[in-house]
Amino acid sequence: MIKKTIIQRLNIIKGQINGLTNLIEKKEDCRKVTGQLYAINIAIKKVIELYLQENLTSCLKTIDFKEKEAINFILKEIIKNE
C-alpha cells in the first residue's frame, strides 16, 4: 500500500517539476517559482518519510560503517529542515 502511495506522490512531483520548469522558462513571478520550489521540497520530504517508514529496518540491516554515516547525515538533514 505504501509503495503505491509513494509512486503516486512521485508522479505528482514530476508534474510539479514540469510546471516549475514552465514557470522558469516563461520568467514568471518569483513568488510563483518560490511557491512551487517550496511545494516540491515538502513533497519530496514526505516521500522520504514514507519510504523510510516502510524500509528503514531492512536498509539498516546490511550496511557498513560508511553507509551508516551517510544515512545518519541524510536523516539529520531531513529532521533539521522540517
N, C-alpha and C. Protein backbone atom coordinates (compact mmCIF):
# COMPACT_ATOMS: atom_id res chain seq x y z
N MET A 1 0.82 -1.21 0.00
CA MET A 1 0.00 0.00 0.00
C MET A 1 0.86 1.27 0.00
N ILE A 2 1.91 1.28 0.83
CA ILE A 2 2.76 2.46 0.88
C ILE A 2 3.50 2.63 -0.44
N LYS A 3 3.89 1.52 -1.08
CA LYS A 3 4.59 1.61 -2.37
C LYS A 3 3.73 2.35 -3.38
N LYS A 4 2.45 2.03 -3.43
CA LYS A 4 1.54 2.68 -4.36
C LYS A 4 1.43 4.18 -4.05
N THR A 5 1.34 4.50 -2.77
CA THR A 5 1.26 5.90 -2.34
C THR A 5 2.52 6.66 -2.73
N ILE A 6 3.68 6.04 -2.52
CA ILE A 6 4.95 6.69 -2.86
C ILE A 6 5.02 6.94 -4.36
N ILE A 7 4.64 5.96 -5.16
CA ILE A 7 4.67 6.13 -6.61
C ILE A 7 3.71 7.24 -7.06
N GLN A 8 2.53 7.28 -6.46
CA GLN A 8 1.58 8.35 -6.79
C GLN A 8 2.17 9.72 -6.45
N ARG A 9 2.78 9.82 -5.29
CA ARG A 9 3.38 11.09 -4.88
C ARG A 9 4.53 11.49 -5.81
N LEU A 10 5.34 10.51 -6.22
CA LEU A 10 6.44 10.81 -7.15
C LEU A 10 5.90 11.30 -8.49
N ASN A 11 4.80 10.73 -8.94
CA ASN A 11 4.21 11.20 -10.20
C ASN A 11 3.68 12.62 -10.06
N ILE A 12 3.13 12.95 -8.91
CA ILE A 12 2.68 14.32 -8.66
C ILE A 12 3.88 15.26 -8.67
N ILE A 13 4.97 14.84 -8.03
CA ILE A 13 6.18 15.66 -8.01
C ILE A 13 6.71 15.88 -9.42
N LYS A 14 6.66 14.85 -10.26
CA LYS A 14 7.08 15.02 -11.66
C LYS A 14 6.27 16.14 -12.32
N GLY A 15 4.97 16.14 -12.10
CA GLY A 15 4.11 17.19 -12.65
C GLY A 15 4.48 18.56 -12.10
N GLN A 16 4.76 18.61 -10.80
CA GLN A 16 5.16 19.89 -10.19
C GLN A 16 6.47 20.39 -10.80
N ILE A 17 7.41 19.49 -11.02
CA ILE A 17 8.69 19.88 -11.60
C ILE A 17 8.50 20.38 -13.03
N ASN A 18 7.64 19.71 -13.79
CA ASN A 18 7.34 20.19 -15.15
C ASN A 18 6.72 21.58 -15.11
N GLY A 19 5.81 21.78 -14.17
CA GLY A 19 5.19 23.09 -14.01
C GLY A 19 6.21 24.14 -13.62
N LEU A 20 7.12 23.78 -12.73
CA LEU A 20 8.17 24.69 -12.30
C LEU A 20 9.07 25.06 -13.48
N THR A 21 9.41 24.07 -14.29
CA THR A 21 10.23 24.32 -15.48
C THR A 21 9.54 25.35 -16.37
N ASN A 22 8.24 25.18 -16.57
CA ASN A 22 7.48 26.12 -17.41
C ASN A 22 7.48 27.53 -16.81
N LEU A 23 7.31 27.60 -15.49
CA LEU A 23 7.33 28.91 -14.84
C LEU A 23 8.66 29.62 -15.05
N ILE A 24 9.74 28.87 -14.91
CA ILE A 24 11.07 29.46 -15.07
C ILE A 24 11.32 29.85 -16.53
N GLU A 25 10.92 28.98 -17.46
CA GLU A 25 11.10 29.29 -18.89
C GLU A 25 10.33 30.54 -19.29
N LYS A 26 9.15 30.73 -18.70
CA LYS A 26 8.32 31.89 -19.03
C LYS A 26 8.67 33.12 -18.19
N LYS A 27 9.69 32.97 -17.35
CA LYS A 27 10.13 34.05 -16.47
C LYS A 27 8.98 34.60 -15.64
N GLU A 28 8.23 33.68 -15.06
CA GLU A 28 7.09 34.05 -14.21
C GLU A 28 7.57 34.72 -12.93
N ASP A 29 6.64 35.27 -12.23
CA ASP A 29 6.89 35.97 -10.97
C ASP A 29 7.65 35.08 -9.99
N CYS A 30 8.59 35.68 -9.32
CA CYS A 30 9.44 34.99 -8.35
C CYS A 30 8.61 34.27 -7.27
N ARG A 31 7.50 34.87 -6.87
CA ARG A 31 6.67 34.26 -5.82
C ARG A 31 6.06 32.95 -6.29
N LYS A 32 5.67 32.88 -7.56
CA LYS A 32 5.14 31.63 -8.10
C LYS A 32 6.21 30.55 -8.12
N VAL A 33 7.40 30.92 -8.58
CA VAL A 33 8.52 29.97 -8.65
C VAL A 33 8.89 29.49 -7.25
N THR A 34 9.01 30.42 -6.33
CA THR A 34 9.37 30.07 -4.96
C THR A 34 8.31 29.18 -4.33
N GLY A 35 7.06 29.47 -4.59
CA GLY A 35 5.97 28.64 -4.07
C GLY A 35 6.05 27.21 -4.57
N GLN A 36 6.35 27.05 -5.85
CA GLN A 36 6.50 25.71 -6.42
C GLN A 36 7.72 25.00 -5.85
N LEU A 37 8.82 25.72 -5.70
CA LEU A 37 10.01 25.11 -5.10
C LEU A 37 9.71 24.61 -3.69
N TYR A 38 9.01 25.41 -2.92
CA TYR A 38 8.65 25.04 -1.56
C TYR A 38 7.75 23.79 -1.57
N ALA A 39 6.75 23.79 -2.44
CA ALA A 39 5.82 22.66 -2.51
C ALA A 39 6.55 21.37 -2.91
N ILE A 40 7.45 21.47 -3.86
CA ILE A 40 8.22 20.29 -4.28
C ILE A 40 9.10 19.80 -3.15
N ASN A 41 9.73 20.71 -2.44
CA ASN A 41 10.58 20.35 -1.31
C ASN A 41 9.78 19.59 -0.25
N ILE A 42 8.63 20.10 0.10
CA ILE A 42 7.77 19.43 1.11
C ILE A 42 7.33 18.06 0.59
N ALA A 43 6.96 17.98 -0.68
CA ALA A 43 6.50 16.71 -1.25
C ALA A 43 7.61 15.67 -1.24
N ILE A 44 8.83 16.07 -1.56
CA ILE A 44 9.96 15.13 -1.56
C ILE A 44 10.23 14.65 -0.14
N LYS A 45 10.19 15.56 0.81
CA LYS A 45 10.41 15.16 2.21
C LYS A 45 9.37 14.14 2.66
N LYS A 46 8.13 14.31 2.21
CA LYS A 46 7.08 13.36 2.59
C LYS A 46 7.35 11.99 1.97
N VAL A 47 7.81 11.96 0.74
CA VAL A 47 8.15 10.69 0.09
C VAL A 47 9.29 10.01 0.85
N ILE A 48 10.29 10.78 1.24
CA ILE A 48 11.40 10.22 2.01
C ILE A 48 10.88 9.63 3.31
N GLU A 49 10.05 10.37 3.99
CA GLU A 49 9.47 9.90 5.26
C GLU A 49 8.71 8.59 5.07
N LEU A 50 7.85 8.54 4.06
CA LEU A 50 7.07 7.32 3.80
C LEU A 50 7.98 6.15 3.46
N TYR A 51 8.96 6.41 2.62
CA TYR A 51 9.88 5.35 2.21
C TYR A 51 10.64 4.81 3.41
N LEU A 52 11.15 5.69 4.23
CA LEU A 52 11.92 5.26 5.39
C LEU A 52 11.05 4.52 6.41
N GLN A 53 9.81 4.96 6.57
CA GLN A 53 8.90 4.26 7.48
C GLN A 53 8.75 2.80 7.06
N GLU A 54 8.68 2.59 5.78
CA GLU A 54 8.45 1.25 5.26
C GLU A 54 9.74 0.42 5.17
N ASN A 55 10.88 1.07 4.93
CA ASN A 55 12.08 0.32 4.56
C ASN A 55 13.30 0.52 5.44
N LEU A 56 13.24 1.38 6.42
CA LEU A 56 14.44 1.71 7.18
C LEU A 56 15.06 0.50 7.86
N THR A 57 14.26 -0.34 8.46
CA THR A 57 14.79 -1.51 9.16
C THR A 57 15.58 -2.40 8.21
N SER A 58 15.01 -2.71 7.06
CA SER A 58 15.72 -3.57 6.11
C SER A 58 16.94 -2.87 5.52
N CYS A 59 16.88 -1.56 5.35
CA CYS A 59 18.02 -0.81 4.82
C CYS A 59 19.20 -0.87 5.78
N LEU A 60 18.93 -0.79 7.06
CA LEU A 60 19.99 -0.72 8.05
C LEU A 60 20.63 -2.06 8.37
N LYS A 61 19.97 -3.14 8.04
CA LYS A 61 20.49 -4.47 8.39
C LYS A 61 21.82 -4.80 7.72
N THR A 62 22.02 -4.38 6.51
CA THR A 62 23.17 -4.85 5.73
C THR A 62 24.14 -3.75 5.33
N ILE A 63 24.16 -2.64 6.06
CA ILE A 63 25.04 -1.56 5.64
C ILE A 63 26.34 -1.56 6.43
N ASP A 64 27.37 -1.01 5.82
CA ASP A 64 28.65 -0.90 6.52
C ASP A 64 28.74 0.48 7.19
N PHE A 65 29.84 0.74 7.86
CA PHE A 65 30.01 1.96 8.64
C PHE A 65 29.88 3.22 7.80
N LYS A 66 30.51 3.25 6.62
CA LYS A 66 30.45 4.45 5.77
C LYS A 66 29.02 4.75 5.34
N GLU A 67 28.28 3.70 5.02
CA GLU A 67 26.89 3.90 4.63
C GLU A 67 26.07 4.40 5.81
N LYS A 68 26.35 3.90 7.00
CA LYS A 68 25.64 4.38 8.19
C LYS A 68 25.88 5.87 8.39
N GLU A 69 27.10 6.32 8.19
CA GLU A 69 27.40 7.75 8.32
C GLU A 69 26.59 8.56 7.32
N ALA A 70 26.50 8.08 6.09
CA ALA A 70 25.74 8.78 5.06
C ALA A 70 24.26 8.83 5.43
N ILE A 71 23.72 7.72 5.89
CA ILE A 71 22.31 7.67 6.27
C ILE A 71 22.06 8.60 7.45
N ASN A 72 22.94 8.59 8.43
CA ASN A 72 22.78 9.49 9.57
C ASN A 72 22.79 10.95 9.14
N PHE A 73 23.67 11.29 8.20
CA PHE A 73 23.73 12.66 7.69
C PHE A 73 22.40 13.02 7.02
N ILE A 74 21.90 12.14 6.18
CA ILE A 74 20.64 12.40 5.47
C ILE A 74 19.49 12.57 6.46
N LEU A 75 19.42 11.69 7.44
CA LEU A 75 18.34 11.79 8.43
C LEU A 75 18.42 13.10 9.21
N LYS A 76 19.61 13.50 9.59
CA LYS A 76 19.77 14.77 10.31
C LYS A 76 19.32 15.94 9.43
N GLU A 77 19.65 15.89 8.15
CA GLU A 77 19.24 16.97 7.24
C GLU A 77 17.72 17.01 7.11
N ILE A 78 17.09 15.85 7.03
CA ILE A 78 15.64 15.80 6.92
C ILE A 78 15.00 16.40 8.17
N ILE A 79 15.47 15.98 9.31
CA ILE A 79 14.91 16.45 10.57
C ILE A 79 15.14 17.95 10.73
N LYS A 80 16.34 18.41 10.40
CA LYS A 80 16.71 19.81 10.55
C LYS A 80 15.86 20.71 9.68
N ASN A 81 15.49 20.26 8.50
CA ASN A 81 14.80 21.12 7.54
C ASN A 81 13.28 21.04 7.59
N GLU A 82 12.73 20.34 8.54
CA GLU A 82 11.26 20.26 8.59
C GLU A 82 10.62 21.52 9.08
